[in-house]
Amino acid sequence: MIVVLTTQLTSEWTEKIARLLGEQAMVLAAADPDQALQILRSTPVAVIVSSMESLSRDRLQHYEQMRHAAPAAINVCLTPQPVIEQVRTEELFAPDFWLRPTVSAVPTVSAVEVDEVLTAALEKANLVARVAERSGSAAGPSAGPEGRERSSPEGQILQRWLAGLASDFDTDHLLRTYVETVVEIVHCASYCLLWQSAESEYFSVYTARGLPAVVIAQARLSPRANLPTWYHHNFRVLTRAELASWSDSDSALALAQELDIFHAQVAVPLMLEGQLR
């Protein structure tokens, strides 16, 4: 799944983009320019959608900072036609795609045009990711132990905790204890527990350490996303490092993108009564 960052857009535009993208991407909305840079430096953003209502010094500086923080990200700029003409005349910058509202940054562009531009941006981002993966630059750190055998002491500990989660004990206590157990087994400095509550079909962050606050607050993973879908057919620990050796490079890249969103090197499934939770 691709991460799309929106910055300096109205809430109407952000909602419009999220609605059009649906489950094709995870949309993170930055509250301000500083948060946008924090997200870019900590999260694998593939597409940036920003606005350039006027060529102010602050806007230009922020745009250059974003390009420096995420040089491989595809840039979509929401800009009125007069500003586009000025940008081209002065050769200031060149985003990958323009969106041209008729009145400033009010969402007056047709849904068809927005959908076409976003689709093209996602396709280009996927192409960039595939090229990077095949060249080895997106292989990611190989640190982190491989999954243990189910018969190992660590596996037995996990099985006991999974059995306990199916009982009528306090769910919050058991989930947090489960996380502590996994962290101890895997020996990781950071972690993230994705949980599918009864109130929502989406997986959201239940508890985490070392994850950007905006990801904790906004990230949602559809049950039809690549990682949950893979776990419907594979009930084992998945490591980021093993993906480099997969013959199915497209599946490996798709899983790697979702693991990277949550800064994951090792993914441990939590199965309750045969269901991924």
Protein backbone atom coordinates (compact mmCIF):
# COMPACT_ATOMS: atom_id res chain seq x y z
CA MET A 1 0.00 0.00 0.00
CA ILE A 2 1.24 3.45 -0.95
CA VAL A 3 1.36 6.32 1.55
CA VAL A 4 0.03 9.66 0.33
CA LEU A 5 0.81 12.81 2.32
CA THR A 6 -1.42 15.86 2.06
CA THR A 7 -0.07 19.17 3.28
CA GLN A 8 -1.34 22.74 3.26
CA LEU A 9 -4.65 21.60 1.82
CA THR A 10 -8.13 22.41 3.05
CA SER A 11 -10.04 19.69 4.88
CA GLU A 12 -12.36 19.49 1.86
CA TRP A 13 -9.46 18.64 -0.43
CA THR A 14 -8.02 16.09 1.96
CA GLU A 15 -11.39 14.37 2.31
CA LYS A 16 -11.86 14.43 -1.47
CA ILE A 17 -8.47 12.81 -2.05
CA ALA A 18 -9.04 10.16 0.62
CA ARG A 19 -12.46 9.35 -0.81
CA LEU A 20 -11.17 9.04 -4.38
CA LEU A 21 -8.18 6.90 -3.42
CA GLY A 22 -10.22 4.59 -1.20
CA GLU A 23 -8.19 1.48 -0.39
CA GLN A 24 -5.54 2.17 -3.04
CA ALA A 25 -3.46 4.20 -0.60
CA MET A 26 -3.12 5.32 3.00
CA VAL A 27 -3.66 9.08 3.27
CA LEU A 28 -1.88 10.97 6.06
CA ALA A 29 -2.81 14.63 6.56
CA ALA A 30 -0.16 16.95 7.99
CA ALA A 31 -1.50 19.60 10.33
CA ASP A 32 1.25 22.07 9.41
CA PRO A 33 4.51 22.25 7.41
CA ASP A 34 6.65 21.11 10.33
CA GLN A 35 4.57 17.97 10.79
CA ALA A 36 4.75 17.31 7.05
CA LEU A 37 8.55 17.28 7.25
CA GLN A 38 8.45 15.02 10.31
CA ILE A 39 6.25 12.55 8.43
CA LEU A 40 8.51 12.61 5.36
CA ARG A 41 11.58 11.92 7.51
CA SER A 42 10.00 9.01 9.37
CA THR A 43 7.47 7.41 7.01
CA PRO A 44 7.87 5.99 3.47
CA VAL A 45 5.72 8.57 1.67
CA ALA A 46 5.37 7.82 -2.04
CA VAL A 47 3.11 10.70 -3.13
CA ILE A 48 2.87 14.27 -1.80
CA VAL A 49 -0.17 16.40 -2.57
CA SER A 50 0.30 20.04 -1.64
CA SER A 51 -1.03 23.43 -2.61
CA MET A 52 0.72 26.49 -3.95
CA GLU A 53 -1.88 29.24 -3.86
CA SER A 54 0.77 31.92 -4.10
CA LEU A 55 4.53 32.00 -4.55
CA SER A 56 5.36 33.17 -1.06
CA ARG A 57 8.87 32.69 0.28
CA ASP A 58 7.62 30.32 3.01
CA ARG A 59 5.72 28.14 0.53
CA LEU A 60 8.70 27.84 -1.80
CA GLN A 61 11.04 27.06 1.07
CA HIS A 62 8.65 24.40 2.40
CA TYR A 63 8.34 22.82 -1.04
CA GLU A 64 12.13 22.57 -1.39
CA GLN A 65 12.42 21.10 2.11
CA MET A 66 9.88 18.42 1.22
CA ARG A 67 11.71 17.57 -2.00
CA HIS A 68 14.94 17.24 -0.05
CA ALA A 69 13.33 15.09 2.66
CA ALA A 70 11.69 12.73 0.13
CA PRO A 71 13.49 13.05 -3.21
CA ALA A 72 11.84 9.91 -4.67
CA ALA A 73 8.29 10.96 -3.78
CA ILE A 74 5.90 11.91 -6.57
CA ASN A 75 4.71 15.50 -6.20
CA VAL A 76 1.20 16.66 -7.07
CA CYS A 77 0.72 20.41 -6.74
CA LEU A 78 -2.66 22.11 -6.46
CA THR A 79 -2.03 25.47 -8.11
CA PRO A 80 -4.10 28.14 -9.92
CA GLN A 81 -3.21 28.69 -13.58
CA PRO A 82 -1.65 32.17 -13.05
CA VAL A 83 0.74 30.73 -10.47
CA ILE A 84 1.63 27.85 -12.79
CA GLU A 85 2.51 30.32 -15.53
CA GLN A 86 4.69 32.30 -13.13
CA VAL A 87 6.42 29.13 -11.96
CA ARG A 88 7.22 28.16 -15.54
CA THR A 89 8.36 31.65 -16.47
CA GLU A 90 10.71 31.92 -13.50
CA GLU A 91 11.67 28.20 -13.65
CA LEU A 92 11.11 27.82 -9.93
CA PHE A 93 10.19 24.15 -9.58
CA ALA A 94 8.53 21.37 -11.53
CA PRO A 95 6.17 18.99 -9.72
CA ASP A 96 5.32 15.69 -11.38
CA PHE A 97 1.66 16.63 -11.80
CA TRP A 98 -0.40 19.82 -11.63
CA LEU A 99 -3.98 20.19 -10.44
CA ARG A 100 -5.53 23.45 -11.61
CA PRO A 101 -8.42 24.77 -9.52
CA THR A 102 -10.30 27.62 -11.12
CA VAL A 103 -10.48 29.59 -7.89
CA SER A 104 -7.45 29.51 -5.61
CA ALA A 105 -7.33 26.19 -3.72
CA VAL A 106 -11.08 25.68 -3.45
CA PRO A 107 -11.93 22.13 -4.66
CA THR A 108 -13.48 23.18 -7.99
CA VAL A 109 -11.53 20.70 -10.13
CA SER A 110 -13.77 17.94 -11.45
CA ALA A 111 -13.65 14.59 -9.67
CA VAL A 112 -12.71 12.96 -12.98
CA GLU A 113 -9.64 15.17 -13.41
CA VAL A 114 -8.54 14.67 -9.81
CA ASP A 115 -9.01 10.91 -10.14
CA GLU A 116 -6.98 10.83 -13.35
CA VAL A 117 -4.11 12.80 -11.82
CA LEU A 118 -4.06 10.74 -8.61
CA THR A 119 -4.18 7.49 -10.62
CA ALA A 120 -1.24 8.64 -12.72
CA ALA A 121 0.67 9.66 -9.57
CA LEU A 122 0.10 6.25 -7.97
CA GLU A 123 1.18 4.45 -11.13
CA LYS A 124 4.37 6.50 -11.30
CA ALA A 125 5.06 5.93 -7.58
CA ASN A 126 4.63 2.17 -8.04
CA LEU A 127 7.00 2.25 -11.00
CA VAL A 128 9.62 4.15 -8.97
CA ALA A 129 9.25 1.65 -6.11
CA ARG A 130 9.67 -1.34 -8.43
CA VAL A 131 12.79 0.11 -10.03
CA ALA A 132 14.26 0.90 -6.60
CA GLU A 133 13.44 -2.57 -5.26
CA ARG A 134 15.01 -4.33 -8.21
CA SER A 135 18.12 -2.18 -8.00
CA GLY A 136 18.47 -3.09 -4.34
CA SER A 137 18.07 0.42 -2.95
CA ALA A 138 14.71 -0.38 -1.33
CA ALA A 139 15.70 -3.70 0.21
CA GLY A 140 15.66 -2.14 3.66
CA PRO A 141 17.77 -3.10 6.69
CA SER A 142 18.30 -6.80 7.13
CA ALA A 143 18.51 -6.56 10.90
CA GLY A 144 16.16 -8.63 12.98
CA PRO A 145 16.04 -12.34 13.67
CA GLU A 146 14.27 -14.81 11.44
CA GLY A 147 11.08 -16.40 12.73
CA ARG A 148 11.62 -19.20 15.24
CA GLU A 149 10.23 -22.68 14.83
CA ARG A 150 6.85 -23.28 16.37
CA SER A 151 8.32 -25.95 18.65
CA SER A 152 10.84 -23.53 20.19
CA PRO A 153 10.37 -22.18 23.75
CA GLU A 154 9.52 -18.78 22.30
CA GLY A 155 6.84 -20.31 20.09
CA GLN A 156 5.36 -22.13 23.05
CA ILE A 157 5.16 -18.87 24.99
CA LEU A 158 3.32 -17.24 22.10
CA GLN A 159 0.92 -20.15 21.82
CA ARG A 160 0.04 -19.86 25.51
CA TRP A 161 -0.66 -16.16 25.18
CA LEU A 162 -2.73 -16.67 22.05
CA ALA A 163 -4.80 -19.27 23.88
CA GLY A 164 -5.30 -16.83 26.73
CA LEU A 165 -6.49 -14.12 24.37
CA ALA A 166 -9.41 -16.34 23.38
CA SER A 167 -10.65 -16.47 26.98
CA ASP A 168 -12.78 -13.97 28.91
CA PHE A 169 -9.88 -12.12 30.57
CA ASP A 170 -9.29 -8.39 30.27
CA THR A 171 -8.52 -7.80 26.60
CA ASP A 172 -6.43 -4.67 27.09
CA HIS A 173 -4.21 -6.35 29.70
CA LEU A 174 -3.74 -9.45 27.57
CA LEU A 175 -2.95 -7.50 24.42
CA ARG A 176 -0.34 -5.39 26.14
CA THR A 177 1.17 -8.47 27.77
CA TYR A 178 1.20 -10.15 24.38
CA VAL A 179 3.12 -7.18 22.95
CA GLU A 180 5.62 -7.28 25.81
CA THR A 181 6.14 -11.01 25.22
CA VAL A 182 6.72 -10.58 21.48
CA VAL A 183 9.09 -7.65 22.09
CA GLU A 184 11.11 -9.79 24.50
CA ILE A 185 11.28 -12.69 22.03
CA VAL A 186 12.15 -10.59 18.98
CA HIS A 187 14.45 -8.23 20.93
CA CYS A 188 13.20 -5.09 19.19
CA ALA A 189 13.53 -1.47 20.27
CA SER A 190 10.25 -0.39 18.67
CA TYR A 191 6.95 -2.08 17.94
CA CYS A 192 3.41 -1.58 16.68
CA LEU A 193 0.29 -3.63 17.41
CA LEU A 194 -2.40 -3.37 14.74
CA TRP A 195 -5.84 -4.38 16.02
CA GLN A 196 -9.21 -4.81 14.35
CA SER A 197 -11.83 -3.71 16.86
CA ALA A 198 -15.49 -4.66 16.81
CA GLU A 199 -16.37 -1.05 15.90
CA SER A 200 -14.38 -0.92 12.65
CA GLU A 201 -13.41 -3.28 9.87
CA TYR A 202 -10.03 -1.57 9.55
CA PHE A 203 -6.86 -2.39 11.45
CA SER A 204 -5.60 0.58 13.46
CA VAL A 205 -2.71 1.12 15.87
CA TYR A 206 -3.65 -0.21 19.32
CA THR A 207 -0.30 0.46 20.96
CA ALA A 208 3.13 1.36 19.63
CA ARG A 209 6.61 2.55 20.51
CA GLY A 210 8.92 4.40 18.14
CA LEU A 211 6.19 5.15 15.58
CA PRO A 212 5.40 8.70 14.36
CA ALA A 213 2.41 10.20 16.18
CA VAL A 214 0.59 10.96 12.92
CA VAL A 215 0.82 7.31 11.85
CA ILE A 216 -0.51 6.18 15.23
CA ALA A 217 -3.43 8.60 14.96
CA GLN A 218 -4.35 8.32 11.28
CA ALA A 219 -3.04 5.06 9.81
CA ARG A 220 -5.70 2.52 8.86
CA LEU A 221 -5.07 -0.81 7.13
CA SER A 222 -7.89 -2.40 5.20
CA PRO A 223 -8.54 -6.13 5.77
CA ARG A 224 -8.18 -6.37 2.00
CA ALA A 225 -4.70 -4.81 2.04
CA ASN A 226 -1.69 -6.91 1.09
CA LEU A 227 -0.46 -7.87 4.56
CA PRO A 228 -3.83 -9.06 5.98
CA THR A 229 -4.56 -10.85 2.70
CA TRP A 230 -1.22 -12.66 2.85
CA TYR A 231 -1.96 -13.75 6.42
CA HIS A 232 -5.26 -15.28 5.38
CA HIS A 233 -3.16 -17.91 3.60
CA ASN A 234 0.04 -17.95 5.69
CA PHE A 235 0.04 -18.35 9.46
CA ARG A 236 3.64 -17.63 10.36
CA VAL A 237 6.10 -14.90 11.24
CA LEU A 238 7.04 -12.73 8.25
CA THR A 239 10.34 -10.85 8.12
CA ARG A 240 11.19 -7.84 5.99
CA ALA A 241 14.56 -9.38 5.13
CA GLU A 242 13.11 -12.51 3.52
CA LEU A 243 11.18 -10.52 0.92
CA ALA A 244 14.37 -9.81 -1.01
CA SER A 245 14.63 -13.48 -1.96
CA TRP A 246 11.02 -13.93 -3.13
CA SER A 247 10.53 -14.82 -6.78
CA ASP A 248 7.22 -12.91 -6.82
CA SER A 249 8.75 -9.42 -6.72
CA ASP A 250 5.41 -7.61 -7.04
CA SER A 251 3.98 -9.33 -3.94
CA ALA A 252 7.23 -8.77 -2.07
CA LEU A 253 7.18 -5.06 -2.91
CA ALA A 254 3.53 -4.70 -1.88
CA LEU A 255 4.19 -6.34 1.49
CA ALA A 256 7.38 -4.34 1.99
CA GLN A 257 5.51 -1.08 1.46
CA GLU A 258 3.01 -1.90 4.18
CA LEU A 259 5.67 -3.15 6.60
CA ASP A 260 7.63 0.06 6.04
CA ILE A 261 4.62 2.23 6.90
CA PHE A 262 4.69 0.78 10.41
CA HIS A 263 8.51 0.56 10.60
CA ALA A 264 8.26 -3.24 10.81
CA GLN A 265 11.10 -5.69 10.29
CA VAL A 266 9.21 -8.65 11.77
CA ALA A 267 5.43 -9.23 11.56
CA VAL A 268 3.82 -11.67 14.01
CA PRO A 269 0.17 -12.64 13.28
CA LEU A 270 -2.38 -12.61 16.07
CA MET A 271 -4.99 -15.23 15.24
CA LEU A 272 -8.20 -15.66 17.26
CA GLU A 273 -10.46 -18.55 16.37
CA GLY A 274 -8.85 -18.74 12.95
CA GLN A 275 -9.29 -15.00 12.27
CA LEU A 276 -6.57 -12.40 11.94
CA ARG A 277 -7.13 -9.74 14.60
